[in-house]
Amino acid sequence: MMRRPVWLLGAGVCAVAAVGLTAISTRAVASDTGRVVALDGQNKVQADAYTVEMKASGSYQAGKEGTVELTLASKTGYHVNEKYPIKFKLSDPAPEGVSYPKAVLKRADGTCDAARCTFQVPVVPARSGKAKVTGLFAFSVCSDASCIMDRLDLELAVDVN
């Protein structure tokens, strides 16, 4: 698959990478590989065709499994591509102080329909404080005219008791 720089994905995505994510989350960086990295805050990536959001789900305790919610929502005129092998591959190795009971989540691990796809990502933080959940989300949304395939490096910092 050919990698496309983020600025070639459309004016809406370019604006998100350059401006929009900074307003929505604490920090966002467009990498030189064309992927968007979202850190802290709400972790919401807005594009013309979709929204991707990764957020804390409940509270986290050291040594106990918790979940992070990852959602892909298609926007008006688009739908989640039912033929694309959507997956979220958690970073290997995991960031310090975190383990992942399941390293790769595929479409079957989530709840997907034409409008959205939601995953409950299992994580086990090792100690109290901040813990990072990181991974690569690969997905596709389509309109009647074309499909968009994208990959986003995502990172979420969660508070652990």
N, C-alpha and C. Protein backbone atom coordinates (compact mmCIF):
# COMPACT_ATOMS: atom_id res chain seq x y z
N MET A 1 0.83 -1.17 0.00
CA MET A 1 0.00 0.00 0.00
C MET A 1 0.88 1.24 0.00
N MET A 2 0.53 2.20 -0.79
CA MET A 2 1.29 3.45 -0.88
C MET A 2 0.97 4.36 0.30
N ARG A 3 1.98 4.93 0.92
CA ARG A 3 1.79 5.90 2.00
C ARG A 3 1.58 7.27 1.39
N ARG A 4 0.57 7.98 1.86
CA ARG A 4 0.29 9.32 1.38
C ARG A 4 0.56 10.31 2.50
N PRO A 5 1.25 11.39 2.20
CA PRO A 5 1.42 12.42 3.22
C PRO A 5 0.06 12.98 3.62
N VAL A 6 -0.06 13.41 4.86
CA VAL A 6 -1.34 13.86 5.38
C VAL A 6 -1.92 15.01 4.57
N TRP A 7 -1.09 15.87 4.01
CA TRP A 7 -1.62 17.01 3.26
C TRP A 7 -2.23 16.60 1.92
N LEU A 8 -1.99 15.38 1.46
CA LEU A 8 -2.61 14.91 0.22
C LEU A 8 -3.95 14.21 0.46
N LEU A 9 -4.33 14.02 1.72
CA LEU A 9 -5.58 13.36 2.03
C LEU A 9 -6.78 14.28 1.92
N GLY A 10 -6.56 15.56 1.76
CA GLY A 10 -7.67 16.50 1.61
C GLY A 10 -7.48 17.71 2.48
N ALA A 11 -8.08 18.80 2.10
CA ALA A 11 -7.92 20.06 2.84
C ALA A 11 -8.41 19.92 4.26
N GLY A 12 -9.49 19.17 4.48
CA GLY A 12 -10.02 19.00 5.83
C GLY A 12 -9.02 18.33 6.75
N VAL A 13 -8.35 17.28 6.26
CA VAL A 13 -7.37 16.58 7.08
C VAL A 13 -6.16 17.47 7.33
N CYS A 14 -5.74 18.20 6.31
CA CYS A 14 -4.60 19.10 6.48
C CYS A 14 -4.90 20.12 7.58
N ALA A 15 -6.09 20.68 7.57
CA ALA A 15 -6.47 21.65 8.59
C ALA A 15 -6.49 21.01 9.96
N VAL A 16 -6.94 19.76 10.05
CA VAL A 16 -6.96 19.05 11.31
C VAL A 16 -5.54 18.86 11.82
N ALA A 17 -4.65 18.40 10.95
CA ALA A 17 -3.28 18.14 11.37
C ALA A 17 -2.58 19.42 11.79
N ALA A 18 -2.85 20.50 11.09
CA ALA A 18 -2.14 21.74 11.37
C ALA A 18 -2.79 22.55 12.48
N VAL A 19 -4.12 22.52 12.58
CA VAL A 19 -4.80 23.42 13.51
C VAL A 19 -5.81 22.71 14.40
N GLY A 20 -6.73 21.97 13.81
CA GLY A 20 -7.87 21.44 14.52
C GLY A 20 -7.55 20.57 15.72
N LEU A 21 -6.62 19.66 15.61
CA LEU A 21 -6.32 18.79 16.73
C LEU A 21 -5.73 19.54 17.91
N THR A 22 -4.98 20.56 17.66
CA THR A 22 -4.40 21.32 18.75
C THR A 22 -5.50 21.91 19.63
N ALA A 23 -6.60 22.34 19.00
CA ALA A 23 -7.72 22.90 19.75
C ALA A 23 -8.48 21.81 20.50
N ILE A 24 -8.52 20.59 19.95
CA ILE A 24 -9.30 19.51 20.55
C ILE A 24 -8.49 18.76 21.61
N SER A 25 -7.23 18.52 21.36
CA SER A 25 -6.42 17.79 22.32
C SER A 25 -5.24 18.63 22.75
N THR A 26 -4.51 18.12 23.72
CA THR A 26 -3.38 18.86 24.24
C THR A 26 -2.29 19.04 23.21
N ARG A 27 -2.07 17.99 22.40
CA ARG A 27 -0.99 18.06 21.42
C ARG A 27 -1.27 17.13 20.26
N ALA A 28 -0.94 17.55 19.07
CA ALA A 28 -1.06 16.69 17.89
C ALA A 28 0.13 16.96 16.99
N VAL A 29 0.63 15.91 16.38
CA VAL A 29 1.81 16.04 15.53
C VAL A 29 1.56 15.31 14.22
N ALA A 30 1.80 15.95 13.10
CA ALA A 30 1.76 15.26 11.81
C ALA A 30 3.16 14.73 11.56
N SER A 31 3.30 13.43 11.51
CA SER A 31 4.62 12.85 11.33
C SER A 31 5.03 12.89 9.87
N ASP A 32 6.30 12.64 9.62
CA ASP A 32 6.79 12.68 8.24
C ASP A 32 6.34 11.46 7.43
N THR A 33 5.71 10.48 8.09
CA THR A 33 5.17 9.33 7.36
C THR A 33 3.74 9.58 6.91
N GLY A 34 3.18 10.74 7.26
CA GLY A 34 1.83 11.05 6.84
C GLY A 34 0.78 10.61 7.82
N ARG A 35 1.18 10.12 8.98
CA ARG A 35 0.22 9.70 9.99
C ARG A 35 0.06 10.81 11.02
N VAL A 36 -1.09 10.85 11.65
CA VAL A 36 -1.35 11.84 12.69
C VAL A 36 -1.20 11.17 14.04
N VAL A 37 -0.51 11.81 14.96
CA VAL A 37 -0.34 11.30 16.30
C VAL A 37 -1.07 12.25 17.24
N ALA A 38 -2.05 11.73 17.97
CA ALA A 38 -2.81 12.56 18.90
C ALA A 38 -2.44 12.18 20.33
N LEU A 39 -2.15 13.17 21.15
CA LEU A 39 -1.74 12.92 22.53
C LEU A 39 -2.62 13.67 23.52
N ASP A 40 -2.97 13.00 24.64
CA ASP A 40 -3.70 13.59 25.76
C ASP A 40 -5.04 14.20 25.36
N GLY A 41 -5.67 14.89 26.29
CA GLY A 41 -6.94 15.56 26.03
C GLY A 41 -8.01 14.58 25.56
N GLN A 42 -8.84 14.99 24.64
CA GLN A 42 -9.94 14.17 24.16
C GLN A 42 -9.51 13.18 23.08
N ASN A 43 -8.36 13.38 22.48
CA ASN A 43 -7.86 12.48 21.43
C ASN A 43 -8.87 12.26 20.32
N LYS A 44 -9.36 13.32 19.78
CA LYS A 44 -10.33 13.23 18.70
C LYS A 44 -9.70 13.74 17.41
N VAL A 45 -9.71 12.91 16.37
CA VAL A 45 -9.21 13.29 15.06
C VAL A 45 -10.43 13.52 14.17
N GLN A 46 -10.58 14.73 13.67
CA GLN A 46 -11.71 15.08 12.80
C GLN A 46 -11.19 15.22 11.37
N ALA A 47 -11.80 14.50 10.46
CA ALA A 47 -11.50 14.63 9.02
C ALA A 47 -12.82 14.85 8.30
N ASP A 48 -12.76 15.14 7.02
CA ASP A 48 -13.98 15.37 6.25
C ASP A 48 -14.89 14.14 6.23
N ALA A 49 -14.32 12.96 6.21
CA ALA A 49 -15.09 11.72 6.04
C ALA A 49 -15.32 10.95 7.34
N TYR A 50 -14.57 11.24 8.40
CA TYR A 50 -14.67 10.44 9.62
C TYR A 50 -14.19 11.21 10.84
N THR A 51 -14.52 10.63 12.00
CA THR A 51 -13.98 11.07 13.29
C THR A 51 -13.43 9.82 13.97
N VAL A 52 -12.22 9.91 14.52
CA VAL A 52 -11.65 8.84 15.32
C VAL A 52 -11.42 9.41 16.71
N GLU A 53 -11.88 8.68 17.72
CA GLU A 53 -11.71 9.15 19.09
C GLU A 53 -11.24 8.00 19.97
N MET A 54 -10.25 8.28 20.81
CA MET A 54 -9.77 7.32 21.78
C MET A 54 -9.88 8.00 23.14
N LYS A 55 -10.60 7.37 24.08
CA LYS A 55 -10.81 8.01 25.38
C LYS A 55 -10.80 6.99 26.51
N ALA A 56 -10.54 7.51 27.71
CA ALA A 56 -10.56 6.68 28.90
C ALA A 56 -11.98 6.16 29.12
N SER A 57 -12.07 4.95 29.61
CA SER A 57 -13.37 4.32 29.87
C SER A 57 -13.37 3.85 31.32
N GLY A 58 -13.93 4.68 32.20
CA GLY A 58 -13.94 4.35 33.62
C GLY A 58 -12.65 4.75 34.30
N SER A 59 -12.40 4.17 35.47
CA SER A 59 -11.19 4.48 36.22
C SER A 59 -10.20 3.32 36.09
N TYR A 60 -8.94 3.60 36.41
CA TYR A 60 -7.89 2.60 36.26
C TYR A 60 -7.19 2.40 37.59
N GLN A 61 -6.89 1.13 37.89
CA GLN A 61 -6.20 0.77 39.13
C GLN A 61 -4.97 -0.04 38.77
N ALA A 62 -3.88 0.24 39.47
CA ALA A 62 -2.63 -0.48 39.22
C ALA A 62 -2.85 -1.99 39.37
N GLY A 63 -2.37 -2.75 38.39
CA GLY A 63 -2.46 -4.20 38.42
C GLY A 63 -3.79 -4.79 38.00
N LYS A 64 -4.78 -3.94 37.69
CA LYS A 64 -6.10 -4.44 37.29
C LYS A 64 -6.42 -4.03 35.86
N GLU A 65 -7.09 -4.93 35.14
CA GLU A 65 -7.44 -4.64 33.76
C GLU A 65 -8.53 -3.58 33.67
N GLY A 66 -8.31 -2.65 32.77
CA GLY A 66 -9.29 -1.62 32.45
C GLY A 66 -9.42 -1.57 30.94
N THR A 67 -10.27 -0.66 30.44
CA THR A 67 -10.41 -0.55 28.99
C THR A 67 -10.33 0.90 28.56
N VAL A 68 -9.89 1.07 27.32
CA VAL A 68 -9.87 2.35 26.63
C VAL A 68 -10.83 2.18 25.46
N GLU A 69 -11.68 3.18 25.22
CA GLU A 69 -12.63 3.09 24.12
C GLU A 69 -12.07 3.76 22.88
N LEU A 70 -12.09 3.05 21.76
CA LEU A 70 -11.64 3.57 20.47
C LEU A 70 -12.83 3.51 19.52
N THR A 71 -13.17 4.67 18.93
CA THR A 71 -14.34 4.75 18.05
C THR A 71 -13.99 5.40 16.72
N LEU A 72 -14.43 4.76 15.65
CA LEU A 72 -14.39 5.32 14.31
C LEU A 72 -15.84 5.62 13.93
N ALA A 73 -16.14 6.88 13.59
CA ALA A 73 -17.49 7.25 13.16
C ALA A 73 -17.40 7.88 11.78
N SER A 74 -18.18 7.35 10.86
CA SER A 74 -18.21 7.93 9.51
C SER A 74 -19.12 9.15 9.53
N LYS A 75 -18.82 10.12 8.68
CA LYS A 75 -19.63 11.33 8.59
C LYS A 75 -20.64 11.19 7.44
N THR A 76 -21.55 12.15 7.35
CA THR A 76 -22.60 12.14 6.34
C THR A 76 -22.01 11.92 4.94
N GLY A 77 -22.61 10.98 4.22
CA GLY A 77 -22.15 10.66 2.87
C GLY A 77 -21.11 9.55 2.83
N TYR A 78 -20.67 9.07 4.00
CA TYR A 78 -19.67 8.01 4.09
C TYR A 78 -20.19 6.89 4.98
N HIS A 79 -19.57 5.72 4.85
CA HIS A 79 -19.88 4.59 5.71
C HIS A 79 -18.59 3.83 6.01
N VAL A 80 -18.60 3.08 7.11
CA VAL A 80 -17.46 2.25 7.45
C VAL A 80 -17.37 1.15 6.39
N ASN A 81 -16.18 0.97 5.82
CA ASN A 81 -15.96 -0.02 4.76
C ASN A 81 -16.07 -1.42 5.35
N GLU A 82 -17.14 -2.14 4.98
CA GLU A 82 -17.39 -3.47 5.53
C GLU A 82 -16.41 -4.52 5.02
N LYS A 83 -15.65 -4.22 3.97
CA LYS A 83 -14.70 -5.18 3.41
C LYS A 83 -13.26 -4.96 3.90
N TYR A 84 -13.00 -3.82 4.51
CA TYR A 84 -11.63 -3.50 4.94
C TYR A 84 -11.33 -4.18 6.28
N PRO A 85 -10.16 -4.78 6.43
CA PRO A 85 -9.80 -5.46 7.69
C PRO A 85 -9.37 -4.45 8.78
N ILE A 86 -10.32 -3.76 9.35
CA ILE A 86 -10.05 -2.76 10.39
C ILE A 86 -9.31 -3.44 11.54
N LYS A 87 -8.26 -2.75 12.04
CA LYS A 87 -7.58 -3.30 13.22
C LYS A 87 -6.86 -2.19 13.98
N PHE A 88 -6.68 -2.46 15.27
CA PHE A 88 -5.90 -1.58 16.14
C PHE A 88 -4.79 -2.44 16.71
N LYS A 89 -3.55 -2.14 16.28
CA LYS A 89 -2.37 -2.90 16.73
C LYS A 89 -1.68 -2.09 17.81
N LEU A 90 -1.73 -2.59 19.03
CA LEU A 90 -1.09 -1.91 20.14
C LEU A 90 0.42 -1.99 20.02
N SER A 91 1.09 -0.97 20.52
CA SER A 91 2.55 -0.87 20.39
C SER A 91 3.24 -2.07 21.03
N ASP A 92 4.27 -2.54 20.33
CA ASP A 92 5.09 -3.65 20.82
C ASP A 92 6.54 -3.25 20.68
N PRO A 93 7.25 -3.04 21.76
CA PRO A 93 6.81 -3.29 23.13
C PRO A 93 5.86 -2.21 23.63
N ALA A 94 5.08 -2.57 24.65
CA ALA A 94 4.15 -1.62 25.26
C ALA A 94 4.96 -0.54 25.99
N PRO A 95 4.37 0.66 26.13
CA PRO A 95 5.06 1.69 26.91
C PRO A 95 5.34 1.19 28.33
N GLU A 96 6.35 1.75 28.95
CA GLU A 96 6.72 1.35 30.31
C GLU A 96 5.54 1.49 31.25
N GLY A 97 5.31 0.46 32.05
CA GLY A 97 4.25 0.51 33.05
C GLY A 97 2.88 0.09 32.56
N VAL A 98 2.79 -0.47 31.35
CA VAL A 98 1.50 -0.91 30.79
C VAL A 98 1.69 -2.26 30.11
N SER A 99 0.68 -3.10 30.20
CA SER A 99 0.69 -4.33 29.40
C SER A 99 -0.66 -4.44 28.70
N TYR A 100 -0.66 -5.18 27.61
CA TYR A 100 -1.86 -5.34 26.79
C TYR A 100 -2.24 -6.82 26.75
N PRO A 101 -3.37 -7.21 27.33
CA PRO A 101 -3.81 -8.61 27.27
C PRO A 101 -4.04 -9.09 25.84
N LYS A 102 -4.42 -8.19 24.95
CA LYS A 102 -4.64 -8.54 23.55
C LYS A 102 -3.90 -7.52 22.71
N ALA A 103 -2.86 -7.94 21.97
CA ALA A 103 -1.99 -7.02 21.24
C ALA A 103 -2.61 -6.44 19.97
N VAL A 104 -3.55 -7.17 19.36
CA VAL A 104 -4.19 -6.70 18.13
C VAL A 104 -5.69 -6.92 18.25
N LEU A 105 -6.44 -5.86 18.01
CA LEU A 105 -7.89 -5.97 17.96
C LEU A 105 -8.33 -5.83 16.52
N LYS A 106 -9.15 -6.78 16.07
CA LYS A 106 -9.65 -6.78 14.70
C LYS A 106 -11.15 -6.46 14.71
N ARG A 107 -11.71 -6.28 13.53
CA ARG A 107 -13.13 -5.93 13.39
C ARG A 107 -14.02 -6.80 14.28
N ALA A 108 -13.77 -8.12 14.31
CA ALA A 108 -14.59 -9.04 15.09
C ALA A 108 -14.52 -8.76 16.60
N ASP A 109 -13.48 -8.07 17.05
CA ASP A 109 -13.34 -7.74 18.48
C ASP A 109 -14.14 -6.51 18.87
N GLY A 110 -14.64 -5.79 17.88
CA GLY A 110 -15.40 -4.58 18.14
C GLY A 110 -16.85 -4.74 17.77
N THR A 111 -17.56 -3.62 17.85
CA THR A 111 -18.95 -3.56 17.44
C THR A 111 -19.00 -2.61 16.25
N CYS A 112 -19.30 -3.14 15.07
CA CYS A 112 -19.24 -2.34 13.85
C CYS A 112 -20.57 -2.39 13.09
N ASP A 113 -20.93 -1.24 12.54
CA ASP A 113 -22.03 -1.16 11.60
C ASP A 113 -21.64 -0.14 10.54
N ALA A 114 -22.57 0.26 9.69
CA ALA A 114 -22.24 1.18 8.59
C ALA A 114 -21.79 2.56 9.09
N ALA A 115 -22.28 2.98 10.25
CA ALA A 115 -21.98 4.32 10.75
C ALA A 115 -20.77 4.40 11.65
N ARG A 116 -20.49 3.33 12.39
CA ARG A 116 -19.38 3.40 13.36
C ARG A 116 -18.82 2.02 13.69
N CYS A 117 -17.62 2.08 14.28
CA CYS A 117 -16.95 0.88 14.76
C CYS A 117 -16.33 1.24 16.11
N THR A 118 -16.67 0.49 17.16
CA THR A 118 -16.20 0.80 18.51
C THR A 118 -15.47 -0.40 19.09
N PHE A 119 -14.32 -0.14 19.71
CA PHE A 119 -13.52 -1.17 20.36
C PHE A 119 -13.33 -0.83 21.83
N GLN A 120 -13.38 -1.85 22.68
CA GLN A 120 -12.99 -1.72 24.08
C GLN A 120 -11.60 -2.35 24.17
N VAL A 121 -10.58 -1.51 24.28
CA VAL A 121 -9.19 -1.96 24.26
C VAL A 121 -8.74 -2.30 25.68
N PRO A 122 -8.43 -3.58 25.96
CA PRO A 122 -8.01 -3.95 27.32
C PRO A 122 -6.57 -3.51 27.61
N VAL A 123 -6.38 -2.91 28.78
CA VAL A 123 -5.05 -2.48 29.23
C VAL A 123 -4.88 -2.80 30.71
N VAL A 124 -3.64 -3.08 31.11
CA VAL A 124 -3.34 -3.33 32.52
C VAL A 124 -2.18 -2.40 32.91
N PRO A 125 -2.48 -1.31 33.64
CA PRO A 125 -1.40 -0.43 34.12
C PRO A 125 -0.70 -1.09 35.31
N ALA A 126 0.62 -0.96 35.37
CA ALA A 126 1.40 -1.63 36.41
C ALA A 126 1.48 -0.83 37.71
N ARG A 127 1.38 0.50 37.60
CA ARG A 127 1.55 1.33 38.80
C ARG A 127 0.69 2.59 38.70
N SER A 128 0.53 3.26 39.83
CA SER A 128 -0.27 4.48 39.84
C SER A 128 0.50 5.62 39.15
N GLY A 129 -0.24 6.63 38.75
CA GLY A 129 0.34 7.76 38.03
C GLY A 129 -0.23 7.81 36.62
N LYS A 130 0.57 8.27 35.67
CA LYS A 130 0.15 8.33 34.26
C LYS A 130 0.59 7.05 33.55
N ALA A 131 -0.28 6.54 32.70
CA ALA A 131 0.05 5.39 31.86
C ALA A 131 -0.35 5.73 30.44
N LYS A 132 0.46 5.30 29.48
CA LYS A 132 0.17 5.57 28.06
C LYS A 132 -0.30 4.31 27.35
N VAL A 133 -1.34 4.49 26.54
CA VAL A 133 -1.86 3.44 25.68
C VAL A 133 -1.57 3.90 24.25
N THR A 134 -0.81 3.11 23.50
CA THR A 134 -0.40 3.53 22.16
C THR A 134 -0.61 2.41 21.15
N GLY A 135 -0.88 2.82 19.90
CA GLY A 135 -1.03 1.82 18.85
C GLY A 135 -1.34 2.44 17.51
N LEU A 136 -1.40 1.59 16.50
CA LEU A 136 -1.67 1.99 15.12
C LEU A 136 -3.06 1.51 14.73
N PHE A 137 -3.93 2.46 14.36
CA PHE A 137 -5.30 2.15 13.96
C PHE A 137 -5.41 2.23 12.45
N ALA A 138 -5.77 1.11 11.81
CA ALA A 138 -5.93 1.05 10.36
C ALA A 138 -7.41 0.84 10.06
N PHE A 139 -7.97 1.68 9.17
CA PHE A 139 -9.40 1.64 8.91
C PHE A 139 -9.69 2.22 7.52
N SER A 140 -10.96 2.10 7.11
CA SER A 140 -11.39 2.65 5.83
C SER A 140 -12.85 3.08 5.92
N VAL A 141 -13.14 4.21 5.29
CA VAL A 141 -14.52 4.68 5.12
C VAL A 141 -14.72 4.95 3.63
N CYS A 142 -15.97 4.78 3.18
CA CYS A 142 -16.27 4.94 1.75
C CYS A 142 -17.48 5.84 1.53
N SER A 143 -17.47 6.50 0.39
CA SER A 143 -18.65 7.20 -0.13
C SER A 143 -19.11 6.37 -1.32
N ASP A 144 -20.13 6.85 -2.02
CA ASP A 144 -20.57 6.14 -3.22
C ASP A 144 -19.51 6.19 -4.32
N ALA A 145 -18.65 7.22 -4.27
CA ALA A 145 -17.66 7.43 -5.33
C ALA A 145 -16.30 6.81 -5.06
N SER A 146 -15.88 6.75 -3.78
CA SER A 146 -14.52 6.27 -3.49
C SER A 146 -14.38 5.86 -2.03
N CYS A 147 -13.24 5.23 -1.75
CA CYS A 147 -12.92 4.81 -0.38
C CYS A 147 -11.64 5.50 0.08
N ILE A 148 -11.59 5.76 1.36
CA ILE A 148 -10.40 6.34 1.99
C ILE A 148 -9.86 5.29 2.95
N MET A 149 -8.60 4.92 2.80
CA MET A 149 -7.93 4.02 3.73
C MET A 149 -6.93 4.85 4.49
N ASP A 150 -6.94 4.74 5.81
CA ASP A 150 -6.06 5.57 6.61
C ASP A 150 -5.47 4.77 7.75
N ARG A 151 -4.35 5.28 8.27
CA ARG A 151 -3.68 4.70 9.44
C ARG A 151 -3.32 5.85 10.35
N LEU A 152 -3.65 5.71 11.62
CA LEU A 152 -3.34 6.75 12.61
C LEU A 152 -2.58 6.14 13.76
N ASP A 153 -1.45 6.74 14.11
CA ASP A 153 -0.75 6.39 15.34
C ASP A 153 -1.45 7.15 16.45
N LEU A 154 -1.96 6.43 17.45
CA LEU A 154 -2.69 7.05 18.54
C LEU A 154 -2.01 6.80 19.87
N GLU A 155 -2.11 7.76 20.75
CA GLU A 155 -1.55 7.64 22.10
C GLU A 155 -2.49 8.35 23.06
N LEU A 156 -2.84 7.66 24.15
CA LEU A 156 -3.69 8.23 25.17
C LEU A 156 -3.03 8.07 26.53
N ALA A 157 -2.94 9.16 27.28
CA ALA A 157 -2.42 9.11 28.64
C ALA A 157 -3.61 8.99 29.59
N VAL A 158 -3.59 7.98 30.46
CA VAL A 158 -4.67 7.79 31.44
C VAL A 158 -4.11 7.90 32.85
N ASP A 159 -4.97 8.34 33.78
CA ASP A 159 -4.59 8.44 35.19
C ASP A 159 -4.90 7.13 35.88
N VAL A 160 -3.91 6.61 36.62
CA VAL A 160 -4.05 5.33 37.30
C VAL A 160 -3.98 5.57 38.80
N ASN A 161 -4.95 5.00 39.54
CA ASN A 161 -4.97 5.12 41.01
C ASN A 161 -4.11 4.04 41.64
